[in-house]
């Protein structure tokens, strides 16, 4: 292989992608999983899944012949277990917590709430693109450094010889903005700088819900009971589009105000320039 071939932009991007994330990472498929798929997507191991199941932390899978089929219920419970383990709790602690959580409550309602809480906020279906696509869309702007920024922002995820796109809408928006003349790297830097502010907005909205709809009723350490479990799961599912409408509406209002101010300022500058050129 010649030096020219090795340094080709496409090969450089592919090699970078393989270094950043494991190539065997798999995209979410349907809402049914084999034990291997469940473990891989939940970032755990088959051994852990079986251990959690043996200890009663996971409900048993549906049997189809000799194959166990797992669902979003298992995925949600695995995510909860993983988050609690990350916080330093032991398996025994988690088992006691789940037992207390399930005591006197309908298991289906509990599992429904867990799915509602741990499911991705956006229901947008992911897609795949090739490295060639990035070069076609962004040309010389898609350097290895820029690709690293895109991956760090989780707009693409390298998987083997292609890239998984969690949100095609965001990718398409980026394409349109760069086609309009906004440099790709400048756009990524701006997105990175405002993420902290967006996080604060999201935290504030969640805090509003928790304070007035959960803490006010159950206290800051309480858990919903009876039909409240199912009602809370239903509300969490419904609040997502409501929050999206609120945030989108406010963003549209602010953008409209900002863009109009820029336009008015520019027109005022033009008028001032004309006045200076017009004889008195």
Protein backbone atom coordinates (compact mmCIF):
# COMPACT_ATOMS: atom_id res chain seq x y z
CA UNK A 1 0.00 0.00 0.00
CA UNK A 2 1.41 3.38 -0.99
CA UNK A 3 1.76 6.36 1.29
CA UNK A 4 -0.87 8.17 -0.79
CA UNK A 5 -3.42 5.40 -0.21
CA UNK A 6 -2.73 5.36 3.53
CA UNK A 7 -3.23 9.11 3.81
CA UNK A 8 -6.46 9.20 1.80
CA UNK A 9 -9.09 11.15 3.83
CA UNK A 10 -11.55 8.26 3.69
CA UNK A 11 -9.05 5.79 5.12
CA UNK A 12 -8.02 8.26 7.82
CA UNK A 13 -11.64 8.72 8.91
CA UNK A 14 -12.28 4.98 8.98
CA UNK A 15 -9.21 4.32 11.08
CA UNK A 16 -10.19 7.11 13.48
CA UNK A 17 -13.70 5.72 13.80
CA UNK A 18 -12.39 2.28 14.67
CA UNK A 19 -10.13 3.76 17.36
CA UNK A 20 -12.82 5.88 19.00
CA UNK A 21 -15.45 3.20 19.62
CA UNK A 22 -15.52 -0.60 19.44
CA UNK A 23 -16.57 -1.88 16.03
CA UNK A 24 -18.85 -4.53 17.49
CA UNK A 25 -21.22 -2.08 19.14
CA UNK A 26 -24.72 -2.85 17.90
CA UNK A 27 -27.62 -0.56 17.17
CA UNK A 28 -30.94 -1.07 18.91
CA UNK A 29 -33.14 -3.39 16.95
CA UNK A 30 -36.80 -4.21 17.57
CA UNK A 31 -38.13 -4.16 21.12
CA UNK A 32 -37.33 -7.84 21.51
CA UNK A 33 -33.84 -9.13 22.22
CA UNK A 34 -31.94 -12.33 22.65
CA UNK A 35 -29.81 -12.44 25.77
CA UNK A 36 -26.69 -11.58 23.72
CA UNK A 37 -28.40 -8.54 22.17
CA UNK A 38 -29.79 -7.40 25.50
CA UNK A 39 -26.41 -7.58 27.21
CA UNK A 40 -24.63 -5.80 24.38
CA UNK A 41 -27.17 -2.97 24.13
CA UNK A 42 -27.29 -2.52 27.90
CA UNK A 43 -23.47 -2.35 28.07
CA UNK A 44 -23.26 -5.38 30.34
CA UNK A 45 -22.47 -9.09 29.93
CA UNK A 46 -24.54 -12.21 29.40
CA UNK A 47 -23.11 -13.51 32.64
CA UNK A 48 -24.42 -10.46 34.50
CA UNK A 49 -27.86 -10.79 32.93
CA UNK A 50 -28.09 -14.40 34.06
CA UNK A 51 -26.81 -13.53 37.52
CA UNK A 52 -29.39 -10.74 37.94
CA UNK A 53 -32.09 -13.12 36.77
CA UNK A 54 -30.99 -15.88 39.17
CA UNK A 55 -31.07 -13.40 42.06
CA UNK A 56 -34.56 -12.19 41.20
CA UNK A 57 -33.54 -8.72 40.02
CA UNK A 58 -34.74 -9.39 36.47
CA UNK A 59 -38.03 -11.00 35.48
CA UNK A 60 -37.66 -14.19 33.42
CA UNK A 61 -37.72 -13.88 29.62
CA UNK A 62 -40.48 -15.19 27.39
CA UNK A 63 -39.63 -18.67 26.18
CA UNK A 64 -39.92 -19.41 22.48
CA UNK A 65 -38.78 -22.95 22.05
CA UNK A 66 -35.41 -23.04 23.72
CA UNK A 67 -34.72 -19.32 23.20
CA UNK A 68 -35.39 -16.68 25.83
CA UNK A 69 -36.80 -13.43 24.42
CA UNK A 70 -36.23 -10.26 26.40
CA UNK A 71 -38.11 -6.96 26.08
CA UNK A 72 -37.92 -3.26 26.95
CA UNK A 73 -38.94 -4.24 30.49
CA UNK A 74 -35.66 -6.12 30.90
CA UNK A 75 -33.72 -3.29 29.25
CA UNK A 76 -35.24 -0.75 31.65
CA UNK A 77 -34.46 -2.86 34.72
CA UNK A 78 -30.89 -3.44 33.53
CA UNK A 79 -30.38 0.30 33.11
CA UNK A 80 -31.63 0.93 36.64
CA UNK A 81 -29.37 -1.77 38.07
CA UNK A 82 -26.35 -0.39 36.21
CA UNK A 83 -26.99 3.17 37.41
CA UNK A 84 -27.34 2.02 41.02
CA UNK A 85 -24.15 -0.05 40.78
CA UNK A 86 -22.33 3.02 39.42
CA UNK A 87 -23.44 4.88 42.55
CA UNK A 88 -21.78 2.28 44.74
CA UNK A 89 -24.73 0.15 45.79
CA UNK A 90 -24.31 -3.62 46.03
CA UNK A 91 -26.47 -6.29 44.42
CA UNK A 92 -27.90 -7.03 47.87
CA UNK A 93 -28.78 -3.33 48.36
CA UNK A 94 -30.48 -3.22 44.98
CA UNK A 95 -32.43 -6.41 45.65
CA UNK A 96 -33.72 -4.97 48.94
CA UNK A 97 -34.65 -1.73 47.18
CA UNK A 98 -36.54 -3.53 44.43
CA UNK A 99 -38.33 -5.70 46.97
CA UNK A 100 -39.45 -2.59 48.88
CA UNK A 101 -40.42 -0.89 45.61
CA UNK A 102 -42.53 -3.87 44.52
CA UNK A 103 -44.18 -4.48 47.89
CA UNK A 104 -47.91 -3.80 47.68
CA UNK A 105 -47.67 -2.58 44.09
CA UNK A 106 -48.77 -4.13 40.84
CA UNK A 107 -45.68 -5.51 39.09
CA UNK A 108 -46.91 -4.57 35.60
CA UNK A 109 -47.38 -0.96 36.72
CA UNK A 110 -43.90 -0.90 38.27
CA UNK A 111 -42.28 -2.28 35.14
CA UNK A 112 -44.25 0.20 33.03
CA UNK A 113 -42.93 3.07 35.12
CA UNK A 114 -39.37 1.79 34.82
CA UNK A 115 -39.71 1.64 31.02
CA UNK A 116 -41.17 5.17 30.94
CA UNK A 117 -38.34 6.57 33.06
CA UNK A 118 -35.44 4.84 31.32
CA UNK A 119 -36.59 4.95 27.68
CA UNK A 120 -34.83 7.42 25.37
CA UNK A 121 -36.58 10.79 25.33
CA UNK A 122 -36.70 10.99 21.54
CA UNK A 123 -38.41 8.25 19.58
CA UNK A 124 -36.57 9.12 16.37
CA UNK A 125 -35.34 6.05 14.52
CA UNK A 126 -31.57 5.91 14.06
CA UNK A 127 -30.03 5.49 10.62
CA UNK A 128 -26.64 4.59 9.14
CA UNK A 129 -24.26 6.46 6.88
CA UNK A 130 -20.94 5.56 5.31
CA UNK A 131 -17.71 7.50 5.66
CA UNK A 132 -18.04 8.25 1.94
CA UNK A 133 -21.31 10.04 2.71
CA UNK A 134 -19.60 12.39 5.15
CA UNK A 135 -16.95 13.26 2.60
CA UNK A 136 -19.61 13.85 -0.04
CA UNK A 137 -21.67 16.12 2.23
CA UNK A 138 -18.96 18.04 4.04
CA UNK A 139 -15.92 17.67 1.78
CA UNK A 140 -12.61 18.90 3.18
CA UNK A 141 -14.35 20.15 6.33
CA UNK A 142 -14.69 16.60 7.67
CA UNK A 143 -11.16 16.24 9.01
CA UNK A 144 -10.18 13.65 11.67
CA UNK A 145 -10.34 16.39 14.35
CA UNK A 146 -13.83 17.40 13.25
CA UNK A 147 -14.96 13.78 13.17
CA UNK A 148 -13.75 13.37 16.74
CA UNK A 149 -15.86 16.36 17.76
CA UNK A 150 -18.93 14.90 16.03
CA UNK A 151 -18.40 11.58 17.81
CA UNK A 152 -17.83 13.31 21.16
CA UNK A 153 -21.16 15.13 20.72
CA UNK A 154 -22.75 11.72 19.96
CA UNK A 155 -24.08 12.77 16.58
CA UNK A 156 -22.49 9.69 15.01
CA UNK A 157 -21.21 6.42 16.48
CA UNK A 158 -18.64 4.34 14.59
CA UNK A 159 -19.76 0.75 14.12
CA UNK A 160 -17.42 -1.24 11.91
CA UNK A 161 -17.10 0.31 8.46
CA UNK A 162 -20.05 2.66 8.83
CA UNK A 163 -21.53 5.18 11.24
CA UNK A 164 -24.72 4.98 13.25
CA UNK A 165 -26.67 8.26 13.39
CA UNK A 166 -28.84 8.43 16.54
CA UNK A 167 -30.70 11.51 15.25
CA UNK A 168 -30.93 11.85 11.45
CA UNK A 169 -32.79 15.14 11.94
CA UNK A 170 -29.78 16.73 13.61
CA UNK A 171 -27.45 15.45 10.90
CA UNK A 172 -29.72 16.83 8.18
CA UNK A 173 -29.88 20.18 9.96
CA UNK A 174 -26.08 20.27 10.08
CA UNK A 175 -25.89 19.51 6.36
CA UNK A 176 -28.28 22.35 5.52
CA UNK A 177 -26.40 24.83 7.68
CA UNK A 178 -23.03 23.94 6.17
CA UNK A 179 -24.51 24.09 2.66
CA UNK A 180 -25.71 27.60 3.53
CA UNK A 181 -22.13 28.59 4.30
CA UNK A 182 -21.65 28.04 8.04
CA UNK A 183 -18.33 26.24 8.68
CA UNK A 184 -18.88 22.77 10.16
CA UNK A 185 -16.25 23.10 12.88
CA UNK A 186 -17.56 26.51 13.99
CA UNK A 187 -21.06 25.06 14.25
CA UNK A 188 -19.84 22.12 16.36
CA UNK A 189 -17.92 24.46 18.67
CA UNK A 190 -21.07 26.54 19.17
CA UNK A 191 -23.18 23.46 19.92
CA UNK A 192 -20.59 22.29 22.43
CA UNK A 193 -20.59 25.68 24.15
CA UNK A 194 -24.38 25.79 24.60
CA UNK A 195 -24.83 22.20 25.77
CA UNK A 196 -24.29 23.20 29.38
CA UNK A 197 -27.07 25.78 29.10
CA UNK A 198 -29.40 23.24 27.49
CA UNK A 199 -28.61 20.83 30.34
CA UNK A 200 -29.64 23.52 32.83
CA UNK A 201 -32.94 24.04 30.99
CA UNK A 202 -33.67 20.30 31.02
CA UNK A 203 -32.71 20.00 34.69
CA UNK A 204 -35.02 22.89 35.53
CA UNK A 205 -37.97 21.32 33.74
CA UNK A 206 -37.39 17.95 35.41
CA UNK A 207 -37.04 19.65 38.79
CA UNK A 208 -40.39 21.37 38.21
CA UNK A 209 -42.11 18.03 37.60
CA UNK A 210 -40.39 16.26 40.50
CA UNK A 211 -41.03 19.06 43.01
CA UNK A 212 -44.71 19.57 42.27
CA UNK A 213 -45.89 16.16 41.10
CA UNK A 214 -43.73 13.69 43.03
CA UNK A 215 -42.16 15.29 46.10
CA UNK A 216 -45.34 17.23 46.96
CA UNK A 217 -47.29 13.97 47.09
CA UNK A 218 -44.81 11.38 48.33
CA UNK A 219 -42.05 13.43 49.92
CA UNK A 220 -38.47 13.54 48.69
CA UNK A 221 -37.91 9.90 49.71
CA UNK A 222 -41.34 8.48 48.99
CA UNK A 223 -42.57 6.20 46.22
CA UNK A 224 -45.94 6.20 44.43
CA UNK A 225 -48.40 3.53 45.43
CA UNK A 226 -51.48 1.85 44.00
CA UNK A 227 -52.85 3.37 40.83
CA UNK A 228 -50.45 6.30 41.23
CA UNK A 229 -47.66 4.08 39.85
CA UNK A 230 -49.45 3.63 36.52
CA UNK A 231 -50.58 7.27 36.51
CA UNK A 232 -47.02 8.50 36.99
CA UNK A 233 -45.76 6.28 34.18
CA UNK A 234 -48.51 7.63 31.92
CA UNK A 235 -47.66 11.21 32.84
CA UNK A 236 -43.94 10.77 32.19
CA UNK A 237 -44.79 9.42 28.75
CA UNK A 238 -47.13 12.34 28.03
CA UNK A 239 -44.91 15.05 29.46
CA UNK A 240 -42.23 14.49 26.82
CA UNK A 241 -44.09 16.09 23.88
CA UNK A 242 -45.38 18.78 26.27
CA UNK A 243 -41.83 19.67 27.30
CA UNK A 244 -40.76 19.62 23.67
CA UNK A 245 -43.54 22.07 22.76
CA UNK A 246 -42.60 24.41 25.61
CA UNK A 247 -38.88 24.42 24.83
CA UNK A 248 -39.39 24.62 21.06
CA UNK A 249 -41.89 27.45 21.46
CA UNK A 250 -39.58 29.43 23.72
CA UNK A 251 -36.59 28.84 21.45
CA UNK A 252 -38.63 29.98 18.43
CA UNK A 253 -39.66 33.14 20.32
CA UNK A 254 -36.09 33.96 21.31
CA UNK A 255 -34.72 33.26 17.83
CA UNK A 256 -37.43 35.39 16.25
CA UNK A 257 -36.60 38.25 18.60
CA UNK A 258 -32.85 37.90 18.06
CA UNK A 259 -33.03 37.63 14.28
CA UNK A 260 -35.38 40.60 14.04
CA UNK A 261 -33.03 42.66 16.21
CA UNK A 262 -30.11 41.80 13.93
CA UNK A 263 -32.15 42.79 10.88
CA UNK A 264 -33.33 46.06 12.43
CA UNK A 265 -29.78 46.92 13.54
CA UNK A 266 -28.49 46.24 10.04
CA UNK A 267 -31.20 48.41 8.44
CA UNK A 268 -30.47 51.19 10.93
CA UNK A 269 -26.79 51.06 9.99
CA UNK A 270 -27.69 51.32 6.31
CA UNK A 271 -29.94 54.32 6.97
CA UNK A 272 -27.22 56.05 8.99
CA UNK A 273 -24.78 55.44 6.16
CA UNK A 274 -27.21 56.91 3.64
CA UNK A 275 -27.79 59.97 5.82
CA UNK A 276 -24.08 60.68 6.01
CA UNK A 277 -23.87 60.55 2.23
CA UNK A 278 -26.93 62.75 1.62
CA UNK A 279 -26.22 66.51 1.44
CA UNK A 280 -27.94 68.49 4.19
